[in-house]
PDB file of N, CA and C in Angstrom:
ATOM      1  N   MET A   1      84.710 102.564  74.321  1.00  0.00           N
ATOM      2  CA  MET A   1      85.114 102.000  73.041  1.00  0.00           C
ATOM      3  C   MET A   1      85.761 103.355  72.696  1.00  0.00           C
ATOM      4  N   LEU A   2      86.676 103.665  72.098  1.00  0.00           N
ATOM      5  CA  LEU A   2      87.281 104.829  71.463  1.00  0.00           C
ATOM      6  C   LEU A   2      86.372 105.450  70.043  1.00  0.00           C
ATOM      7  N   ASP A   3      85.847 106.838  70.143  1.00  0.00           N
ATOM      8  CA  ASP A   3      85.465 107.150  68.825  1.00  0.00           C
ATOM      9  C   ASP A   3      86.561 107.649  68.059  1.00  0.00           C
ATOM     10  N   GLU A   4      86.375 107.894  66.948  1.00  0.00           N
ATOM     11  CA  GLU A   4      87.253 108.641  65.479  1.00  0.00           C
ATOM     12  C   GLU A   4      88.228 108.932  66.225  1.00  0.00           C
ATOM     13  N   GLN A   5      87.744 110.444  66.907  1.00  0.00           N
ATOM     14  CA  GLN A   5      88.833 111.416  66.800  1.00  0.00           C
ATOM     15  C   GLN A   5      89.799 110.807  67.917  1.00  0.00           C
ATOM     16  N   GLN A   6      89.481 109.760  68.610  1.00  0.00           N
ATOM     17  CA  GLN A   6      90.388 109.598  70.180  1.00  0.00           C
ATOM     18  C   GLN A   6      91.523 108.319  69.203  1.00  0.00           C
ATOM     19  N   ILE A   7      90.588 107.943  68.297  1.00  0.00           N
ATOM     20  CA  ILE A   7      91.245 106.611  67.556  1.00  0.00           C
ATOM     21  C   ILE A   7      92.482 107.291  66.560  1.00  0.00           C
ATOM     22  N   GLN A   8      92.370 108.371  65.983  1.00  0.00           N
ATOM     23  CA  GLN A   8      92.963 109.527  65.011  1.00  0.00           C
ATOM     24  C   GLN A   8      94.335 109.863  66.339  1.00  0.00           C
ATOM     25  N   ALA A   9      94.080 110.462  67.619  1.00  0.00           N
ATOM     26  CA  ALA A   9      94.739 111.077  68.469  1.00  0.00           C
ATOM     27  C   ALA A   9      95.787 109.895  69.302  1.00  0.00           C
ATOM     28  N   ARG A  10      95.221 108.444  69.117  1.00  0.00           N
ATOM     29  CA  ARG A  10      95.865 107.132  69.694  1.00  0.00           C
ATOM     30  C   ARG A  10      97.129 106.862  68.828  1.00  0.00           C
ATOM     31  N   LEU A  11      96.994 107.088  67.255  1.00  0.00           N
ATOM     32  CA  LEU A  11      97.716 106.235  66.700  1.00  0.00           C
ATOM     33  C   LEU A  11      98.994 106.659  66.338  1.00  0.00           C
ATOM     34  N   PRO A  12      99.643 107.834  66.419  1.00  0.00           N
ATOM     35  CA  PRO A  12     101.011 107.547  66.645  1.00  0.00           C
ATOM     36  C   PRO A  12     101.515 107.291  68.187  1.00  0.00           C
ATOM     37  N   LEU A  13     100.943 107.099  68.841  1.00  0.00           N
ATOM     38  CA  LEU A  13     101.039 106.369  70.639  1.00  0.00           C
ATOM     39  C   LEU A  13     101.132 104.995  70.351  1.00  0.00           C
ATOM     40  N   TRP A  14      99.907 104.224  69.633  1.00  0.00           N
ATOM     41  CA  TRP A  14     100.278 102.777  69.144  1.00  0.00           C
ATOM     42  C   TRP A  14     101.391 102.498  68.008  1.00  0.00           C
ATOM     43  N   GLU A  15     101.483 103.164  67.276  1.00  0.00           N
ATOM     44  CA  GLU A  15     102.965 103.252  66.451  1.00  0.00           C
ATOM     45  C   GLU A  15     104.424 102.866  67.126  1.00  0.00           C
ATOM     46  N   ALA A  16     104.431 104.292  67.949  1.00  0.00           N
ATOM     47  CA  ALA A  16     105.258 103.878  68.843  1.00  0.00           C
ATOM     48  C   ALA A  16     105.710 102.830  69.627  1.00  0.00           C
ATOM     49  N   LEU A  17     104.702 102.908  70.558  1.00  0.00           N
ATOM     50  CA  LEU A  17     104.549 101.794  71.538  1.00  0.00           C
ATOM     51  C   LEU A  17     104.472 100.340  70.970  1.00  0.00           C
ATOM     52  N   SER A  18     104.325 100.183  69.822  1.00  0.00           N
ATOM     53  CA  SER A  18     104.078  98.961  69.136  1.00  0.00           C
ATOM     54  C   SER A  18     105.605  98.644  68.501  1.00  0.00           C
ATOM     55  N   SER A  19     106.436  99.497  68.379  1.00  0.00           N
ATOM     56  CA  SER A  19     108.045  99.548  68.220  1.00  0.00           C
ATOM     57  C   SER A  19     108.458  98.400  69.249  1.00  0.00           C
ATOM     58  N   LEU A  20     108.297  98.695  70.222  1.00  0.00           N
ATOM     59  CA  LEU A  20     109.181  98.054  71.806  1.00  0.00           C
ATOM     60  C   LEU A  20     108.761  96.032  71.507  1.00  0.00           C
ATOM     61  N   TRP A  21     108.025  96.447  70.405  1.00  0.00           N
ATOM     62  CA  TRP A  21     107.628  94.329  70.042  1.00  0.00           C
ATOM     63  C   TRP A  21     108.442  94.217  69.177  1.00  0.00           C
ATOM     64  N   LEU A  22     108.944  95.209  68.385  1.00  0.00           N
ATOM     65  CA  LEU A  22     109.471  94.559  66.608  1.00  0.00           C
ATOM     66  C   LEU A  22     110.768  93.727  67.267  1.00  0.00           C
ATOM     67  N   ASP A  23     110.821  92.767  65.980  1.00  0.00           N
ATOM     68  CA  ASP A  23     112.186  91.668  66.250  1.00  0.00           C
ATOM     69  C   ASP A  23     113.759  92.916  66.358  1.00  0.00           C
ATOM     70  N   THR A  24     113.834  93.654  66.727  1.00  0.00           N
ATOM     71  CA  THR A  24     115.137  94.376  66.362  1.00  0.00           C
ATOM     72  C   THR A  24     115.442  94.826  68.043  1.00  0.00           C
ATOM     73  N   GLU A  25     116.870  95.286  68.132  1.00  0.00           N
ATOM     74  CA  GLU A  25     117.253  95.857  69.290  1.00  0.00           C
ATOM     75  C   GLU A  25     116.664  97.600  69.229  1.00  0.00           C
ATOM     76  N   VAL A  26     116.323  97.823  70.440  1.00  0.00           N
ATOM     77  CA  VAL A  26     115.581  99.147  70.839  1.00  0.00           C
ATOM     78  C   VAL A  26     117.092 100.069  70.923  1.00  0.00           C
ATOM     79  N   THR A  27     117.042 101.108  70.052  1.00  0.00           N
ATOM     80  CA  THR A  27     118.298 101.956  70.251  1.00  0.00           C
ATOM     81  C   THR A  27     117.689 103.217  71.232  1.00  0.00           C
ATOM     82  N   ASP A  28     118.868 103.840  71.954  1.00  0.00           N
ATOM     83  CA  ASP A  28     118.550 105.239  72.414  1.00  0.00           C
ATOM     84  C   ASP A  28     117.758 106.034  71.308  1.00  0.00           C
ATOM     85  N   ARG A  29     117.958 106.541  70.054  1.00  0.00           N
ATOM     86  CA  ARG A  29     117.265 106.703  69.227  1.00  0.00           C
ATOM     87  C   ARG A  29     115.588 106.598  69.254  1.00  0.00           C
ATOM     88  N   ASP A  30     115.283 105.170  69.300  1.00  0.00           N
ATOM     89  CA  ASP A  30     114.245 104.943  69.294  1.00  0.00           C
ATOM     90  C   ASP A  30     113.671 105.136  70.750  1.00  0.00           C
ATOM     91  N   LEU A  31     114.007 104.909  71.759  1.00  0.00           N
ATOM     92  CA  LEU A  31     113.694 105.400  73.160  1.00  0.00           C
ATOM     93  C   LEU A  31     113.198 107.004  73.502  1.00  0.00           C
ATOM     94  N   GLU A  32     114.270 107.476  72.329  1.00  0.00           N
ATOM     95  CA  GLU A  32     113.925 109.128  72.474  1.00  0.00           C
ATOM     96  C   GLU A  32     112.712 109.588  71.611  1.00  0.00           C
ATOM     97  N   TRP A  33     112.406 108.571  70.608  1.00  0.00           N
ATOM     98  CA  TRP A  33     111.486 109.200  69.938  1.00  0.00           C
ATOM     99  C   TRP A  33     109.868 108.537  70.547  1.00  0.00           C
ATOM    100  N   ILE A  34     109.906 107.685  70.860  1.00  0.00           N
ATOM    101  CA  ILE A  34     109.140 107.077  71.652  1.00  0.00           C
ATOM    102  C   ILE A  34     108.582 107.509  72.754  1.00  0.00           C
ATOM    103  N   ALA A  35     109.386 108.311  73.759  1.00  0.00           N
ATOM    104  CA  ALA A  35     109.213 109.083  74.821  1.00  0.00           C
ATOM    105  C   ALA A  35     108.772 110.345  74.767  1.00  0.00           C
ATOM    106  N   ARG A  36     109.263 111.329  73.022  1.00  0.00           N
ATOM    107  CA  ARG A  36     108.587 112.366  72.733  1.00  0.00           C
ATOM    108  C   ARG A  36     107.113 112.020  72.379  1.00  0.00           C
ATOM    109  N   VAL A  37     106.451 110.900  71.721  1.00  0.00           N
ATOM    110  CA  VAL A  37     105.242 110.360  70.940  1.00  0.00           C
ATOM    111  C   VAL A  37     104.545 110.335  72.368  1.00  0.00           C
ATOM    112  N   MET A  38     105.259 109.635  73.563  1.00  0.00           N
ATOM    113  CA  MET A  38     104.334 109.532  74.504  1.00  0.00           C
ATOM    114  C   MET A  38     104.126 111.062  75.638  1.00  0.00           C
ATOM    115  N   ALA A  39     105.279 111.984  75.236  1.00  0.00           N
ATOM    116  CA  ALA A  39     104.719 113.530  76.203  1.00  0.00           C
ATOM    117  C   ALA A  39     104.059 113.956  75.470  1.00  0.00           C
ATOM    118  N   ASP A  40     104.070 114.164  73.994  1.00  0.00           N
ATOM    119  CA  ASP A  40     103.086 114.854  72.920  1.00  0.00           C
ATOM    120  C   ASP A  40     101.574 114.052  73.152  1.00  0.00           C
ATOM    121  N   SER A  41     101.601 112.886  73.956  1.00  0.00           N
ATOM    122  CA  SER A  41     100.077 112.386  73.550  1.00  0.00           C
ATOM    123  C   SER A  41      99.506 113.066  74.841  1.00  0.00           C
ATOM    124  N   GLY A  42      99.393 113.761  75.597  1.00  0.00           N
ATOM    125  CA  GLY A  42      98.813 114.586  76.850  1.00  0.00           C
ATOM    126  C   GLY A  42      98.507 113.622  78.110  1.00  0.00           C
ATOM    127  N   LEU A  43      98.473 112.220  77.480  1.00  0.00           N
ATOM    128  CA  LEU A  43      98.067 111.232  78.496  1.00  0.00           C
ATOM    129  C   LEU A  43      98.859 110.918  79.816  1.00  0.00           C
ATOM    130  N   THR A  44      98.478 111.508  80.981  1.00  0.00           N
ATOM    131  CA  THR A  44      99.369 110.491  82.490  1.00  0.00           C
ATOM    132  C   THR A  44     100.107 109.521  82.217  1.00  0.00           C
ATOM    133  N   ILE A  45     101.140 108.869  82.871  1.00  0.00           N
ATOM    134  CA  ILE A  45     101.598 108.005  83.052  1.00  0.00           C
ATOM    135  C   ILE A  45     100.936 106.597  83.352  1.00  0.00           C
ATOM    136  N   GLU A  46      99.781 106.749  83.992  1.00  0.00           N
ATOM    137  CA  GLU A  46      98.496 105.751  84.327  1.00  0.00           C
ATOM    138  C   GLU A  46      97.810 105.187  83.121  1.00  0.00           C
ATOM    139  N   GLU A  47      97.474 106.358  82.151  1.00  0.00           N
ATOM    140  CA  GLU A  47      96.753 106.029  81.016  1.00  0.00           C
ATOM    141  C   GLU A  47      97.411 105.666  79.778  1.00  0.00           C
ATOM    142  N   LEU A  48      99.189 106.078  79.767  1.00  0.00           N
ATOM    143  CA  LEU A  48      99.767 105.514  78.725  1.00  0.00           C
ATOM    144  C   LEU A  48     100.286 104.168  79.427  1.00  0.00           C
ATOM    145  N   TRP A  49     100.261 103.744  80.332  1.00  0.00           N
ATOM    146  CA  TRP A  49     100.688 102.272  80.967  1.00  0.00           C
ATOM    147  C   TRP A  49      99.267 101.410  80.492  1.00  0.00           C
ATOM    148  N   ARG A  50      98.061 101.944  80.587  1.00  0.00           N
ATOM    149  CA  ARG A  50      97.082 101.187  80.092  1.00  0.00           C
ATOM    150  C   ARG A  50      96.651 101.155  78.129  1.00  0.00           C
ATOM    151  N   VAL A  51      97.319 102.320  77.976  1.00  0.00           N
ATOM    152  CA  VAL A  51      97.205 101.938  75.955  1.00  0.00           C
ATOM    153  C   VAL A  51      98.371 100.976  75.860  1.00  0.00           C
ATOM    154  N   TYR A  52      99.624 101.357  76.535  1.00  0.00           N
ATOM    155  CA  TYR A  52     100.451  99.783  76.184  1.00  0.00           C
ATOM    156  C   TYR A  52      99.858  98.684  76.678  1.00  0.00           C
ATOM    157  N   SER A  53      99.364  98.362  77.944  1.00  0.00           N
ATOM    158  CA  SER A  53      99.080  97.188  78.501  1.00  0.00           C
ATOM    159  C   SER A  53      97.862  96.471  77.556  1.00  0.00           C
ATOM    160  N   TYR A  54      96.792  97.499  77.454  1.00  0.00           N
ATOM    161  CA  TYR A  54      95.478  96.901  77.012  1.00  0.00           C
ATOM    162  C   TYR A  54      95.162  96.864  75.819  1.00  0.00           C
ATOM    163  N   GLU A  55      96.028  97.966  75.006  1.00  0.00           N
ATOM    164  CA  GLU A  55      95.747  98.470  73.801  1.00  0.00           C
ATOM    165  C   GLU A  55      96.739  97.714  72.811  1.00  0.00           C
ATOM    166  N   VAL A  56      98.149  97.993  72.842  1.00  0.00           N
ATOM    167  CA  VAL A  56      98.904  97.759  72.119  1.00  0.00           C
ATOM    168  C   VAL A  56      99.483  96.394  72.303  1.00  0.00           C
ATOM    169  N   ALA A  57     100.064  96.041  73.573  1.00  0.00           N
ATOM    170  CA  ALA A  57     100.358  94.550  73.989  1.00  0.00           C
ATOM    171  C   ALA A  57      99.484  93.528  73.348  1.00  0.00           C
ATOM    172  N   PRO A  58      98.036  93.576  73.677  1.00  0.00           N
ATOM    173  CA  PRO A  58      97.559  92.225  73.581  1.00  0.00           C
ATOM    174  C   PRO A  58      97.193  92.045  72.120  1.00  0.00           C
ATOM    175  N   VAL A  59      97.958  92.944  71.063  1.00  0.00           N
ATOM    176  CA  VAL A  59      97.629  92.384  69.458  1.00  0.00           C
ATOM    177  C   VAL A  59      99.027  92.550  68.907  1.00  0.00           C
ATOM    178  N   VAL A  60     100.003  92.752  69.684  1.00  0.00           N
ATOM    179  CA  VAL A  60     101.634  92.848  69.275  1.00  0.00           C
ATOM    180  C   VAL A  60     102.337  91.745  69.532  1.00  0.00           C
ATOM    181  N   TYR A  61     102.059  91.515  70.961  1.00  0.00           N
ATOM    182  CA  TYR A  61     102.782  90.728  71.900  1.00  0.00           C
ATOM    183  C   TYR A  61     103.527  89.504  71.220  1.00  0.00           C
ATOM    184  N   MET A  62     102.943  88.832  70.601  1.00  0.00           N
ATOM    185  CA  MET A  62     103.269  87.282  69.970  1.00  0.00           C
ATOM    186  C   MET A  62     104.202  87.524  68.850  1.00  0.00           C
ATOM    187  N   ASN A  63     104.576  88.827  68.353  1.00  0.00           N
ATOM    188  CA  ASN A  63     105.644  88.473  67.181  1.00  0.00           C
ATOM    189  C   ASN A  63     107.422  88.172  68.419  1.00  0.00           C
ATOM    190  N   ILE A  64     107.280  88.726  69.111  1.00  0.00           N
ATOM    191  CA  ILE A  64     108.570  88.247  69.924  1.00  0.00           C
ATOM    192  C   ILE A  64     108.492  86.762  70.248  1.00  0.00           C
ATOM    193  N   TYR A  65     107.467  86.032  69.754  1.00  0.00           N
ATOM    194  CA  TYR A  65     107.465  84.401  70.163  1.00  0.00           C
ATOM    195  C   TYR A  65     107.954  83.926  68.705  1.00  0.00           C
ATOM    196  N   SER A  66     107.509  85.042  67.416  1.00  0.00           N
ATOM    197  CA  SER A  66     107.408  84.368  66.029  1.00  0.00           C
ATOM    198  C   SER A  66     108.952  84.082  65.799  1.00  0.00           C
ATOM    199  N   PHE A  67     108.808  83.128  64.728  1.00  0.00           N
ATOM    200  CA  PHE A  67     110.284  82.603  64.538  1.00  0.00           C
ATOM    201  C   PHE A  67     110.731  83.312  63.536  1.00  0.00           C
ATOM    202  N   ALA A  68     109.989  84.239  62.616  1.00  0.00           N
ATOM    203  CA  ALA A  68     110.825  85.187  61.703  1.00  0.00           C
ATOM    204  C   ALA A  68     109.848  86.347  62.372  1.00  0.00           C
ATOM    205  N   GLY A  69     109.856  86.829  63.179  1.00  0.00           N
ATOM    206  CA  GLY A  69     109.016  88.136  63.734  1.00  0.00           C
ATOM    207  C   GLY A  69     109.293  89.677  62.910  1.00  0.00           C
ATOM    208  N   GLN A  70     108.311  90.217  62.864  1.00  0.00           N
ATOM    209  CA  GLN A  70     108.227  91.515  62.126  1.00  0.00           C
ATOM    210  C   GLN A  70     109.463  92.210  62.970  1.00  0.00           C
ATOM    211  N   TRP A  71     109.617  92.939  61.840  1.00  0.00           N
ATOM    212  CA  TRP A  71     111.154  93.865  62.045  1.00  0.00           C
ATOM    213  C   TRP A  71     111.206  95.285  61.713  1.00  0.00           C
ATOM    214  N   LEU A  72     110.545  95.425  60.735  1.00  0.00           N
ATOM    215  CA  LEU A  72     110.756  96.751  59.959  1.00  0.00           C
ATOM    216  C   LEU A  72     109.109  97.642  60.649  1.00  0.00           C
ATOM    217  N   GLY A  73     108.558  97.106  61.495  1.00  0.00           N
ATOM    218  CA  GLY A  73     107.630  97.866  61.835  1.00  0.00           C
ATOM    219  C   GLY A  73     106.344  97.183  61.445  1.00  0.00           C
ATOM    220  N   PHE A  74     105.090  97.335  62.323  1.00  0.00           N
ATOM    221  CA  PHE A  74     103.718  96.883  62.406  1.00  0.00           C
ATOM    222  C   PHE A  74     103.161  98.292  61.133  1.00  0.00           C
ATOM    223  N   SER A  75     102.177  97.884  60.038  1.00  0.00           N
ATOM    224  CA  SER A  75     101.426  98.383  59.110  1.00  0.00           C
ATOM    225  C   SER A  75     100.431  99.535  60.285  1.00  0.00           C
ATOM    226  N   PRO A  76     100.367 100.852  59.994  1.00  0.00           N
ATOM    227  CA  PRO A  76      99.628 101.338  60.795  1.00  0.00           C
ATOM    228  C   PRO A  76      98.101 101.016  60.374  1.00  0.00           C
ATOM    229  N   ASP A  77      97.860 100.761  59.207  1.00  0.00           N
ATOM    230  CA  ASP A  77      96.324 100.306  59.264  1.00  0.00           C
ATOM    231  C   ASP A  77      95.899  98.923  59.733  1.00  0.00           C
ATOM    232  N   TRP A  78      96.859  97.958  59.825  1.00  0.00           N
ATOM    233  CA  TRP A  78      97.178  96.745  60.550  1.00  0.00           C
ATOM    234  C   TRP A  78      96.641  96.925  61.960  1.00  0.00           C
ATOM    235  N   LEU A  79      97.457  97.492  62.972  1.00  0.00           N
ATOM    236  CA  LEU A  79      97.494  98.211  63.785  1.00  0.00           C
ATOM    237  C   LEU A  79      96.444  98.616  64.521  1.00  0.00           C
ATOM    238  N   ARG A  80      95.885  99.348  63.695  1.00  0.00           N
ATOM    239  CA  ARG A  80      94.510 100.414  64.235  1.00  0.00           C
ATOM    240  C   ARG A  80      93.232  99.231  63.950  1.00  0.00           C
ATOM    241  N   THR A  81      93.039  98.478  62.901  1.00  0.00           N
ATOM    242  CA  THR A  81      92.208  97.257  62.741  1.00  0.00           C
ATOM    243  C   THR A  81      92.611  96.431  63.743  1.00  0.00           C
ATOM    244  N   GLU A  82      93.452  96.151  64.376  1.00  0.00           N
ATOM    245  CA  GLU A  82      93.273  94.818  65.283  1.00  0.00           C
ATOM    246  C   GLU A  82      93.481  95.610  67.106  1.00  0.00           C
ATOM    247  N   ILE A  83      94.002  96.660  66.947  1.00  0.00           N
ATOM    248  CA  ILE A  83      93.665  97.414  68.114  1.00  0.00           C
ATOM    249  C   ILE A  83      92.088  97.577  68.345  1.00  0.00           C
ATOM    250  N   VAL A  84      91.781  97.942  67.258  1.00  0.00           N
ATOM    251  CA  VAL A  84      89.501  98.691  67.364  1.00  0.00           C
ATOM    252  C   VAL A  84      89.181  97.418  67.876  1.00  0.00           C
ATOM    253  N   ARG A  85      89.780  96.197  67.203  1.00  0.00           N
ATOM    254  CA  ARG A  85      88.464  95.006  67.077  1.00  0.00           C
ATOM    255  C   ARG A  85      88.892  94.684  68.354  1.00  0.00           C
ATOM    256  N   ASN A  86      90.068  94.199  68.899  1.00  0.00           N
ATOM    257  CA  ASN A  86      90.255  93.701  70.240  1.00  0.00           C
ATOM    258  C   ASN A  86      89.706  94.688  71.321  1.00  0.00           C
ATOM    259  N   LEU A  87      89.527  96.066  71.320  1.00  0.00           N
ATOM    260  CA  LEU A  87      88.892  96.497  72.116  1.00  0.00           C
ATOM    261  C   LEU A  87      87.154  96.705  72.017  1.00  0.00           C
ATOM    262  N   ARG A  88      86.767  96.260  70.718  1.00  0.00           N
ATOM    263  CA  ARG A  88      85.332  96.418  70.561  1.00  0.00           C
ATOM    264  C   ARG A  88      85.149  95.155  71.276  1.00  0.00           C
ATOM    265  N   ASP A  89      85.792  93.652  70.687  1.00  0.00           N
ATOM    266  CA  ASP A  89      85.336  92.094  71.043  1.00  0.00           C
ATOM    267  C   ASP A  89      85.313  91.567  72.566  1.00  0.00           C
ATOM    268  N   ARG A  90      86.489  92.102  73.315  1.00  0.00           N
ATOM    269  CA  ARG A  90      87.078  91.698  74.259  1.00  0.00           C
ATOM    270  C   ARG A  90      85.832  92.028  75.505  1.00  0.00           C
ATOM    271  N   ARG A  91      85.422  91.001  76.494  1.00  0.00           N
ATOM    272  CA  ARG A  91      84.646  91.491  77.312  1.00  0.00           C
ATOM    273  C   ARG A  91      85.398  91.941  78.806  1.00  0.00           C
ATOM    274  N   PRO A  92      84.908  93.164  79.320  1.00  0.00           N
ATOM    275  CA  PRO A  92      85.924  93.277  80.489  1.00  0.00           C
ATOM    276  C   PRO A  92      86.564  92.608  81.383  1.00  0.00           C
ATOM    277  N   HIS A  93      86.205  91.507  81.936  1.00  0.00           N
ATOM    278  CA  HIS A  93      86.516  90.574  82.342  1.00  0.00           C
ATOM    279  C   HIS A  93      87.748  89.791  81.929  1.00  0.00           C
ATOM    280  N   GLU A  94      87.938  89.922  80.546  1.00  0.00           N
ATOM    281  CA  GLU A  94      88.908  89.233  79.800  1.00  0.00           C
ATOM    282  C   GLU A  94      90.028  89.844  79.443  1.00  0.00           C
ATOM    283  N   ILE A  95      90.356  90.840  80.330  1.00  0.00           N
ATOM    284  CA  ILE A  95      91.562  92.082  79.687  1.00  0.00           C
ATOM    285  C   ILE A  95      92.655  91.200  79.500  1.00  0.00           C
ATOM    286  N   LEU A  96      93.657  90.990  78.634  1.00  0.00           N
ATOM    287  CA  LEU A  96      94.545  90.229  79.134  1.00  0.00           C
ATOM    288  C   LEU A  96      95.885  91.181  79.374  1.00  0.00           C
ATOM    289  N   ASP A  97      96.749  91.345  80.296  1.00  0.00           N
ATOM    290  CA  ASP A  97      97.927  92.098  80.364  1.00  0.00           C
ATOM    291  C   ASP A  97      99.014  91.052  80.370  1.00  0.00           C
ATOM    292  N   VAL A  98      99.537  91.344  78.952  1.00  0.00           N
ATOM    293  CA  VAL A  98     100.632  90.589  78.856  1.00  0.00           C
ATOM    294  C   VAL A  98     102.180  91.164  79.240  1.00  0.00           C
ATOM    295  N   VAL A  99     101.731  92.275  79.633  1.00  0.00           N
ATOM    296  CA  VAL A  99     103.135  92.928  80.214  1.00  0.00           C
ATOM    297  C   VAL A  99     103.319  92.415  81.752  1.00  0.00           C
ATOM    298  N   SER A 100     102.780  92.681  82.606  1.00  0.00           N
ATOM    299  CA  SER A 100     103.096  92.730  83.700  1.00  0.00           C
ATOM    300  C   SER A 100     101.573  92.675  84.738  1.00  0.00           C
ATOM    301  N   HIS A 101     101.858  92.022  85.840  1.00  0.00           N
ATOM    302  CA  HIS A 101     100.453  91.843  86.862  1.00  0.00           C
ATOM    303  C   HIS A 101     100.602  92.845  87.760  1.00  0.00           C
ATOM    304  N   HIS A 102     101.684  93.678  87.853  1.00  0.00           N
ATOM    305  CA  HIS A 102     101.576  94.831  89.028  1.00  0.00           C
ATOM    306  C   HIS A 102     101.355  96.053  88.273  1.00  0.00           C
ATOM    307  N   SER A 103     101.497  96.896  89.454  1.00  0.00           N
ATOM    308  CA  SER A 103     100.877  97.932  89.291  1.00  0.00           C
ATOM    309  C   SER A 103     102.361  98.857  88.646  1.00  0.00           C
ATOM    310  N   LEU A 104     101.698  99.875  88.134  1.00  0.00           N
ATOM    311  CA  LEU A 104     103.179 100.853  88.171  1.00  0.00           C
ATOM    312  C   LEU A 104     103.786 101.193  89.371  1.00  0.00           C
ATOM    313  N   PRO A 105     105.151 101.246  89.155  1.00  0.00           N
ATOM    314  CA  PRO A 105     105.548 101.831  90.588  1.00  0.00           C
ATOM    315  C   PRO A 105     105.353 103.482  90.952  1.00  0.00           C
ATOM    316  N   ASP A 106     105.458 103.551  92.346  1.00  0.00           N
ATOM    317  CA  ASP A 106     104.953 105.077  92.160  1.00  0.00           C
ATOM    318  C   ASP A 106     105.711 106.222  92.193  1.00  0.00           C
ATOM    319  N   ALA A 107     105.460 106.831  91.104  1.00  0.00           N
ATOM    320  CA  ALA A 107     106.226 108.348  90.643  1.00  0.00           C
ATOM    321  C   ALA A 107     106.793 109.063  91.600  1.00  0.00           C
ATOM    322  N   GLN A 108     106.551 108.500  92.882  1.00  0.00           N
ATOM    323  CA  GLN A 108     106.822 110.087  93.824  1.00  0.00           C
ATOM    324  C   GLN A 108     107.988 109.217  94.346  1.00  0.00           C
ATOM    325  N   SER A 109     108.408 107.713  94.375  1.00  0.00           N
ATOM    326  CA  SER A 109     109.333 106.850  95.034  1.00  0.00           C
ATOM    327  C   SER A 109     110.714 107.443  94.566  1.00  0.00           C
ATOM    328  N   ASP A 110     111.488 107.120  95.473  1.00  0.00           N
ATOM    329  CA  ASP A 110     113.055 107.414  94.782  1.00  0.00           C
ATOM    330  C   ASP A 110     113.804 106.157  95.023  1.00  0.00           C
ATOM    331  N   THR A 111     113.184 105.365  95.276  1.00  0.00           N
ATOM    332  CA  THR A 111     113.469 104.067  94.940  1.00  0.00           C
ATOM    333  C   THR A 111     113.381 103.002  93.642  1.00  0.00           C
TER     334      THR A 111
END
């Protein structure tokens, strides 16, 4: 479980990554902002993937299936509450990876 300092450090990352699940087109400007927040987080690619897959995606993925999905952005308070609740309540064997069942591509590979 994350402590308060870790949660505060994660908030900008959670907000940025959750924007990928909004009912809007992702622009180059959006991607630049997300990339900047990811870089500023200090996390490795593998850690970023875990944050995206196991912290953010499980609480926002249903937005893309909603008839009138969220498009302005998720409330930071709601996002924090839901992610912390999901991390607290899930059992380790119940981790749902809604994004992919595959590992990250090898960053060293040119293919």
